[in-house]
Amino acid sequence: MADVPAVEVNDLVKRFGDFVAVDHVSFSVRRGEIFGFLGPNGAGKSTTIRMLCALLLPTSGRAMVGGLDLAVSAEAVRKNIGYMSQRFSLYDDLTVAENIDFFSGIYQVPAGRRAERKEYVLAMSDLRDRRDTMTRLLPGGLKQRLALGCAILHQPPILFLDEPTSGVDPIARRTFWSLIYQLSDEGHTVFVSTHYMDEAEYCHRLALMYRGRIIALGSPQELKDHLRSHNLMNLVSSDLLESMKILERTTGVLDVAVFGGGLHVTVQEPAATGERIRGALRDRNISIRNLELIQPSMEDIFVAMIEEEEKKAS
């Protein structure tokens, strides 16, 4: 079974009337892997996850989860996975301990192991001293950790996390990812969707999804290598908007995009084009505070790939 993928998807499609939410998607996830699903809201990430969790019937295609065919073993799949939705899946009118007890029953944790698993979740989520607190009174980060703990009470080999860090602060996000790494080290396969580009760096492999289709698949470094032929420069100047207009007309500049407090400029030849940029801005009395060659971020990669898709469609 070690060679059998944790998740294997072939030509999966989901239509809602005339709208195609998931468009012939195929991929596989290795056991013990942190697999990221990256893309903007509405890309089809949540719909795909709901189908893989046997919560939504596909229109066509085939999916295997934990070696089980969703079409014939949906109930068995649901018993052998953990699922955390965007809204944490907790009951606000129950205490922390009562939520854990409730999900222990839902996931059919053996009676003899419930106390042990309860203490594990309380320790993992740092809620030992708040076991009697009403869940609605917890900060977002603690509620998030409790939801993760409840999703793994039955120690599922495969865990689906649908945008689990949405709406929580950066420190809580970092802590949550530490828990994900811990679960992966323990042998769990973690399938996580996100629209935060920086979180893609934390995944072993990821799929970029756009308009219901996977437009790229690989490790973060493999996806960065896709842009190796595109030289990327960071420009900070005294007049951002005017600089952008000038660069769009500068020979050797392939693309210009606002990024933070500067511009990310894709060029053909860094040395020659860099000199043209300096000259063009100097002629317009715009001072350059920084112009340097940089490594592309995941956001740069995603934007570039979306632009490629748009050009193909036009």
Protein backbone atom coordinates (compact mmCIF):
# COMPACT_ATOMS: atom_id res chain seq x y z
CA MET A 1 0.00 0.00 0.00
CA ALA A 2 3.00 2.34 0.45
CA ASP A 3 3.22 2.83 -3.31
CA VAL A 4 -0.49 3.57 -3.65
CA PRO A 5 -1.11 7.34 -3.79
CA ALA A 6 -3.08 8.82 -0.89
CA VAL A 7 -5.25 10.63 -3.44
CA GLU A 8 -5.52 9.94 -7.15
CA VAL A 9 -7.78 12.01 -9.39
CA ASN A 10 -8.46 11.37 -13.06
CA ASP A 11 -10.41 13.73 -15.32
CA LEU A 12 -12.67 14.97 -12.51
CA VAL A 13 -15.51 17.30 -13.58
CA LYS A 14 -18.21 19.13 -11.63
CA ARG A 15 -20.92 21.13 -13.35
CA PHE A 16 -23.66 23.22 -11.81
CA GLY A 17 -26.07 23.64 -14.70
CA ASP A 18 -24.08 25.31 -17.47
CA PHE A 19 -21.31 26.41 -15.12
CA VAL A 20 -18.21 24.20 -15.00
CA ALA A 21 -16.73 24.57 -11.51
CA VAL A 22 -14.10 21.82 -11.91
CA ASP A 23 -12.89 21.23 -15.44
CA HIS A 24 -11.24 17.83 -16.15
CA VAL A 25 -8.80 17.91 -13.22
CA SER A 26 -6.16 15.18 -12.79
CA PHE A 27 -3.43 14.83 -10.14
CA SER A 28 -2.12 12.52 -7.44
CA VAL A 29 -0.92 13.06 -3.86
CA ARG A 30 1.78 10.93 -2.25
CA ARG A 31 1.36 9.48 1.23
CA GLY A 32 2.77 11.74 3.94
CA GLU A 33 2.88 14.70 1.59
CA ILE A 34 1.73 18.26 2.26
CA PHE A 35 -0.09 19.01 -0.98
CA GLY A 36 -1.22 22.57 -1.56
CA PHE A 37 -4.13 23.74 -3.66
CA LEU A 38 -3.40 27.35 -4.55
CA GLY A 39 -5.69 29.76 -6.34
CA PRO A 40 -8.03 32.74 -6.07
CA ASN A 41 -11.52 32.52 -4.63
CA GLY A 42 -13.85 30.83 -7.10
CA ALA A 43 -11.09 28.80 -8.76
CA GLY A 44 -12.71 25.46 -7.86
CA LYS A 45 -10.55 24.47 -4.90
CA SER A 46 -13.35 23.98 -2.36
CA THR A 47 -15.55 22.16 -4.87
CA THR A 48 -12.74 19.71 -5.61
CA ILE A 49 -12.10 19.11 -1.90
CA ARG A 50 -15.79 18.53 -1.21
CA MET A 51 -15.87 15.88 -3.95
CA LEU A 52 -12.75 14.19 -2.53
CA CYS A 53 -14.38 14.16 0.91
CA ALA A 54 -17.46 12.44 -0.56
CA LEU A 55 -19.61 15.45 0.30
CA LEU A 56 -20.42 16.30 -3.31
CA LEU A 57 -21.00 13.99 -6.26
CA PRO A 58 -18.78 14.58 -9.30
CA THR A 59 -20.41 15.02 -12.69
CA SER A 60 -17.82 12.73 -14.26
CA GLY A 61 -14.31 11.41 -13.75
CA ARG A 62 -12.79 9.15 -11.10
CA ALA A 63 -11.19 9.75 -7.71
CA MET A 64 -9.44 7.34 -5.34
CA VAL A 65 -8.91 8.42 -1.72
CA GLY A 66 -6.86 6.18 0.55
CA GLY A 67 -7.08 3.44 -2.08
CA LEU A 68 -10.89 3.59 -2.06
CA ASP A 69 -13.00 4.47 -5.09
CA LEU A 70 -15.31 7.37 -4.22
CA ALA A 71 -17.95 6.09 -6.61
CA VAL A 72 -18.41 2.83 -4.69
CA SER A 73 -17.00 3.46 -1.20
CA ALA A 74 -18.05 6.98 -0.27
CA GLU A 75 -19.02 6.09 3.31
CA ALA A 76 -15.73 4.28 3.91
CA VAL A 77 -13.84 7.30 2.57
CA ARG A 78 -15.65 9.64 4.96
CA LYS A 79 -14.68 7.44 7.93
CA ASN A 80 -11.00 7.43 6.98
CA ILE A 81 -10.37 11.12 6.38
CA GLY A 82 -10.34 14.28 8.45
CA TYR A 83 -11.98 17.42 7.08
CA MET A 84 -11.72 21.00 8.24
CA SER A 85 -13.87 23.49 6.37
CA GLN A 86 -13.34 27.22 5.95
CA ARG A 87 -15.64 27.96 8.90
CA PHE A 88 -13.91 25.66 11.41
CA SER A 89 -16.87 23.20 11.72
CA LEU A 90 -17.25 23.86 15.45
CA TYR A 91 -20.31 24.47 17.60
CA ASP A 92 -20.07 27.88 19.26
CA ASP A 93 -22.70 27.05 21.89
CA LEU A 94 -20.61 24.15 23.25
CA THR A 95 -17.53 24.37 25.44
CA VAL A 96 -14.12 23.29 24.16
CA ALA A 97 -14.43 19.93 25.95
CA GLU A 98 -17.99 19.41 24.73
CA ASN A 99 -16.91 19.99 21.11
CA ILE A 100 -14.19 17.39 21.49
CA ASP A 101 -16.64 14.92 23.05
CA PHE A 102 -19.16 15.55 20.28
CA PHE A 103 -16.66 14.93 17.48
CA SER A 104 -15.28 11.87 19.28
CA GLY A 105 -18.75 10.41 18.91
CA ILE A 106 -19.18 11.56 15.31
CA TYR A 107 -15.85 9.99 14.32
CA GLN A 108 -16.57 6.86 16.38
CA VAL A 109 -13.41 7.04 18.47
CA PRO A 110 -13.35 3.86 20.60
CA ALA A 111 -14.63 4.52 24.14
CA GLY A 112 -11.39 3.29 25.66
CA ARG A 113 -9.35 5.85 23.72
CA ARG A 114 -11.54 8.94 24.03
CA ALA A 115 -9.92 10.33 27.18
CA GLU A 116 -6.43 9.91 25.71
CA ARG A 117 -7.41 11.56 22.40
CA LYS A 118 -9.18 14.36 24.24
CA GLU A 119 -6.05 15.19 26.22
CA TYR A 120 -4.00 15.06 23.01
CA VAL A 121 -6.27 17.62 21.32
CA LEU A 122 -6.30 19.90 24.37
CA ALA A 123 -2.50 19.83 24.52
CA MET A 124 -2.04 20.27 20.76
CA SER A 125 -4.40 23.23 20.65
CA ASP A 126 -3.01 24.75 23.89
CA LEU A 127 -6.47 24.68 25.48
CA ARG A 128 -5.94 22.58 28.61
CA ASP A 129 -6.76 25.56 30.83
CA ARG A 130 -9.76 26.54 28.70
CA ARG A 131 -11.54 23.23 28.36
CA ASP A 132 -14.67 24.69 29.97
CA THR A 133 -14.64 27.91 27.91
CA MET A 134 -17.47 28.44 25.44
CA THR A 135 -16.04 27.99 21.97
CA ARG A 136 -17.52 31.24 20.70
CA LEU A 137 -15.32 33.13 23.20
CA LEU A 138 -12.05 31.76 21.78
CA PRO A 139 -9.78 33.94 19.61
CA GLY A 140 -9.68 32.92 15.94
CA GLY A 141 -6.27 31.23 16.18
CA LEU A 142 -7.28 29.01 19.11
CA LYS A 143 -10.60 28.16 17.50
CA GLN A 144 -8.69 27.18 14.39
CA ARG A 145 -6.39 24.84 16.35
CA LEU A 146 -9.36 23.28 18.14
CA ALA A 147 -11.05 22.63 14.78
CA LEU A 148 -7.90 20.92 13.52
CA GLY A 149 -7.71 18.82 16.68
CA CYS A 150 -11.34 17.73 16.30
CA ALA A 151 -10.67 16.76 12.67
CA ILE A 152 -7.87 14.38 13.69
CA LEU A 153 -9.45 12.82 16.79
CA HIS A 154 -9.83 9.51 14.95
CA GLN A 155 -6.25 9.73 13.61
CA PRO A 156 -7.17 9.74 9.92
CA PRO A 157 -4.35 8.98 7.48
CA ILE A 158 -5.53 11.74 5.13
CA LEU A 159 -6.52 15.24 6.20
CA PHE A 160 -8.31 17.82 4.05
CA LEU A 161 -8.00 21.44 5.15
CA ASP A 162 -10.05 23.92 3.12
CA GLU A 163 -8.50 27.41 3.49
CA PRO A 164 -7.93 26.78 7.21
CA THR A 165 -5.97 29.99 7.84
CA SER A 166 -8.44 32.38 6.23
CA GLY A 167 -9.24 35.31 8.49
CA VAL A 168 -6.64 34.69 11.22
CA ASP A 169 -3.60 36.78 12.09
CA PRO A 170 -0.07 36.03 10.75
CA ILE A 171 1.19 34.63 14.07
CA ALA A 172 -1.75 32.21 14.30
CA ARG A 173 -1.14 31.19 10.68
CA ARG A 174 2.51 30.41 11.42
CA THR A 175 1.57 28.36 14.49
CA PHE A 176 -1.03 26.46 12.49
CA TRP A 177 1.51 25.54 9.82
CA SER A 178 3.83 24.22 12.52
CA LEU A 179 1.01 21.83 13.46
CA ILE A 180 0.62 20.80 9.80
CA TYR A 181 4.33 19.95 9.61
CA GLN A 182 4.02 17.96 12.81
CA LEU A 183 1.15 15.93 11.35
CA SER A 184 3.11 15.30 8.15
CA ASP A 185 6.13 14.11 10.19
CA GLU A 186 3.78 11.68 11.95
CA GLY A 187 2.79 10.18 8.58
CA HIS A 188 -0.45 12.01 7.83
CA THR A 189 -1.13 13.14 4.28
CA VAL A 190 -2.26 16.77 4.39
CA PHE A 191 -4.23 18.28 1.51
CA VAL A 192 -4.56 22.02 2.11
CA SER A 193 -6.11 24.77 0.00
CA THR A 194 -5.17 28.42 0.33
CA HIS A 195 -5.24 31.74 -1.48
CA TYR A 196 -2.27 33.05 0.52
CA MET A 197 0.69 32.94 -1.86
CA ASP A 198 3.31 32.79 0.90
CA GLU A 199 1.76 29.58 2.27
CA ALA A 200 2.53 27.81 -1.00
CA GLU A 201 6.20 27.83 0.03
CA TYR A 202 5.34 25.55 2.96
CA CYS A 203 3.99 22.74 0.77
CA HIS A 204 5.98 19.81 -0.59
CA ARG A 205 4.08 20.11 -3.88
CA LEU A 206 1.21 22.25 -5.04
CA ALA A 207 -1.29 22.72 -7.81
CA LEU A 208 -2.18 26.14 -9.16
CA MET A 209 -5.88 26.23 -9.96
CA TYR A 210 -7.60 28.85 -12.10
CA ARG A 211 -11.12 28.87 -13.51
CA GLY A 212 -11.69 25.25 -12.58
CA ARG A 213 -8.49 23.91 -14.15
CA ILE A 214 -5.03 23.06 -12.87
CA ILE A 215 -2.65 25.31 -14.78
CA ALA A 216 0.56 24.15 -13.06
CA LEU A 217 1.66 21.31 -10.81
CA GLY A 218 4.95 20.70 -8.99
CA SER A 219 7.12 21.68 -6.05
CA PRO A 220 7.51 25.39 -5.25
CA GLN A 221 11.03 25.29 -6.73
CA GLU A 222 9.85 23.51 -9.88
CA LEU A 223 7.22 26.19 -10.42
CA LYS A 224 9.83 28.90 -9.87
CA ASP A 225 12.03 27.24 -12.47
CA HIS A 226 9.17 27.82 -14.90
CA LEU A 227 10.06 31.52 -14.77
CA ARG A 228 13.80 31.00 -14.98
CA SER A 229 13.76 32.25 -18.58
CA HIS A 230 11.95 35.38 -17.34
CA ASN A 231 14.37 37.74 -15.62
CA LEU A 232 12.60 39.60 -12.83
CA MET A 233 13.72 42.97 -11.49
CA ASN A 234 12.43 44.98 -8.54
CA LEU A 235 12.15 48.72 -9.07
CA VAL A 236 11.49 51.37 -6.42
CA SER A 237 11.32 54.91 -7.76
CA SER A 238 10.17 58.38 -6.77
CA ASP A 239 7.08 58.14 -9.00
CA LEU A 240 5.59 54.67 -9.19
CA LEU A 241 2.71 55.28 -11.60
CA GLU A 242 4.71 57.38 -14.05
CA SER A 243 7.51 54.79 -13.96
CA MET A 244 5.02 52.10 -14.86
CA LYS A 245 3.80 54.06 -17.89
CA ILE A 246 7.37 54.64 -19.08
CA LEU A 247 8.44 51.03 -18.64
CA GLU A 248 5.46 49.73 -20.59
CA ARG A 249 6.99 51.53 -23.60
CA THR A 250 10.61 50.56 -22.89
CA THR A 251 12.33 48.07 -25.24
CA GLY A 252 13.20 44.80 -23.52
CA VAL A 253 10.50 45.10 -20.83
CA LEU A 254 8.06 42.18 -21.12
CA ASP A 255 5.75 42.97 -18.21
CA VAL A 256 5.31 45.45 -15.35
CA ALA A 257 3.23 44.88 -12.22
CA VAL A 258 2.79 46.73 -8.94
CA PHE A 259 4.22 44.74 -6.04
CA GLY A 260 4.15 46.20 -2.54
CA GLY A 261 5.78 49.63 -2.64
CA GLY A 262 7.51 49.06 -5.96
CA LEU A 263 7.28 47.43 -9.37
CA HIS A 264 8.17 43.93 -10.52
CA VAL A 265 9.55 44.22 -14.03
CA THR A 266 10.01 41.17 -16.27
CA VAL A 267 12.82 41.79 -18.78
CA GLN A 268 14.62 39.98 -21.57
CA GLU A 269 18.22 40.95 -20.75
CA PRO A 270 18.79 42.37 -17.25
CA ALA A 271 22.00 44.30 -18.00
CA ALA A 272 20.93 45.95 -21.25
CA THR A 273 17.31 46.51 -20.28
CA GLY A 274 18.35 47.79 -16.86
CA GLU A 275 20.39 50.53 -18.51
CA ARG A 276 17.44 51.43 -20.75
CA ILE A 277 15.20 51.66 -17.68
CA ARG A 278 17.68 53.93 -15.89
CA GLY A 279 18.01 56.17 -18.91
CA ALA A 280 14.27 56.39 -19.57
CA LEU A 281 13.47 57.32 -15.97
CA ARG A 282 16.39 59.76 -15.72
CA ASP A 283 15.11 61.58 -18.82
CA ARG A 284 11.80 62.14 -16.99
CA ASN A 285 13.53 63.29 -13.78
CA ILE A 286 12.41 60.20 -11.87
CA SER A 287 14.94 59.02 -9.31
CA ILE A 288 15.61 55.30 -8.82
CA ARG A 289 15.86 54.19 -5.22
CA ASN A 290 16.40 50.53 -6.06
CA LEU A 291 16.70 48.44 -9.23
CA GLU A 292 17.91 44.87 -8.83
CA LEU A 293 17.47 41.36 -10.20
CA ILE A 294 15.39 39.20 -7.81
CA GLN A 295 14.05 35.67 -7.48
CA PRO A 296 10.34 35.38 -8.38
CA SER A 297 7.87 34.90 -5.54
CA MET A 298 4.93 32.51 -5.72
CA GLU A 299 2.74 35.53 -6.41
CA ASP A 300 4.91 36.43 -9.42
CA ILE A 301 4.65 32.86 -10.66
CA PHE A 302 0.91 32.70 -10.24
CA VAL A 303 0.34 36.03 -11.99
CA ALA A 304 2.62 35.02 -14.87
CA MET A 305 0.85 31.70 -15.32
CA ILE A 306 -2.59 33.32 -15.25
CA GLU A 307 -1.43 35.77 -17.89
CA GLU A 308 -0.23 32.85 -20.01
CA GLU A 309 -3.65 31.23 -19.67
CA GLU A 310 -5.39 34.46 -20.62
CA LYS A 311 -3.21 34.79 -23.74
CA LYS A 312 -4.05 31.22 -24.77
CA ALA A 313 -7.77 31.95 -24.37
CA SER A 314 -7.67 35.21 -26.34
